[in-house]
Structures are given as structure tokens and as C-alpha cells.
Amino acid sequence: MKLKTKFCDRFFNLSPRIVIYDLDGTIIDSTHRIKLHNNGSLDLEHWKQNSTKEQIFKDDLLPLYWQLVSDYKAGNYVVLCTARELGKYDYEYIHSMGIYYDKIISRPKNNITVDHVLKARQLRYFWQLKPFRKIHKTFYDDNENNLNAINKLGIGNVFNAGEWNNRYS
């Protein structure tokens, strides 16, 4: 997990919400780097081979990015939670594109846990630890399994980022 530096001016919010955003398919369009197996699962080796600086910087921002900017500037606690391993060029892209955040949670190296199980484990403390329990949480993701897993954690809102982006693109 990496913590961020100050990117822009923001409102000091005395009652912030916790707003959690996935990266791929939610705020970043990285479809040009994706190849699927015949069974529909992600070809992870292809993904890793295409995680070069040149390929990463071909990614585009999706419409939900502007909601993230709004949440950040409104003083909400913005968490980026991705099921991919992040490398130095991913961080460089995130920072160069002005993708604001307070915390990044990503897949640990060599971890092969299924995405929805991984994300639920990594985010569970927002629902279980006393300082976070009563804070309203919002989760944006384009994967139905991830949405269901986070929805099972408890009170909060989950939004299908794929539908959101389609509506506003």
C-alpha cells in the first residue's frame, strides 16, 4: 500500500465518506492490453507482457474519473483498490494523469487469490474497525463478483462502473 502526496486543493470535510474505486474498467480504459482465454478468463501472462511504460501510457481515462475528482475535492477519503499488481509505470501513470487518492490497495506480488475474495479481504477493515464502521462507504467496480462481495460486507452503496461509464460516454 502506498500513501499519496497532495495533488490539488481540496475541501476539509468534517464528515467525509469513504469512496473506493477500482482502476481497470472503472476509471481507466486498459482494454487494449487485455487478452482473454477461451473460457473467458484473463490471460495474465499477456497482461504482464503488456504492462510496459509504452502500453500503460496508451490507457485512457473513463467518465467515472470525473466523479473521483469530485469526491476527492469534496474532501472524501478516496481509495483506489485494484486486483492487479502495480509497478512503477502504473504509479507514474496514476500520478501523471491526476488520479487523486488518499490510499492505494493493490494485489501483493505473486498472490493468485480470486479478485472478489482478494478485494473483500483487503477492504474488510473499513467495515470492521471502529473508526470506520459508521462512515458511509461507496464502492465502484465493473466486475459483478466484486460488487457482490463488497455488498456482503454491509452498509454502503455499490455501483456498477461499466453501466455508469456507458451512460456518460
Foldseek 3Di string as FASTA:
>chain_A
DDFDDDDDAADADPAAAEEEEEEDLFFKPLVVQWDADPVGHTPVVSNVVQPDLVSLLVIDTFPCLVVQVVSVRHNHAYEYEYAADDDPSNVVNCNVVVSDHGYYHYHDPPDDDDRLVVRLVVCLCLCVPPVNNPHEYEYEDQDPSNQVSNVVSDHHYYDNSNVVRVVVD
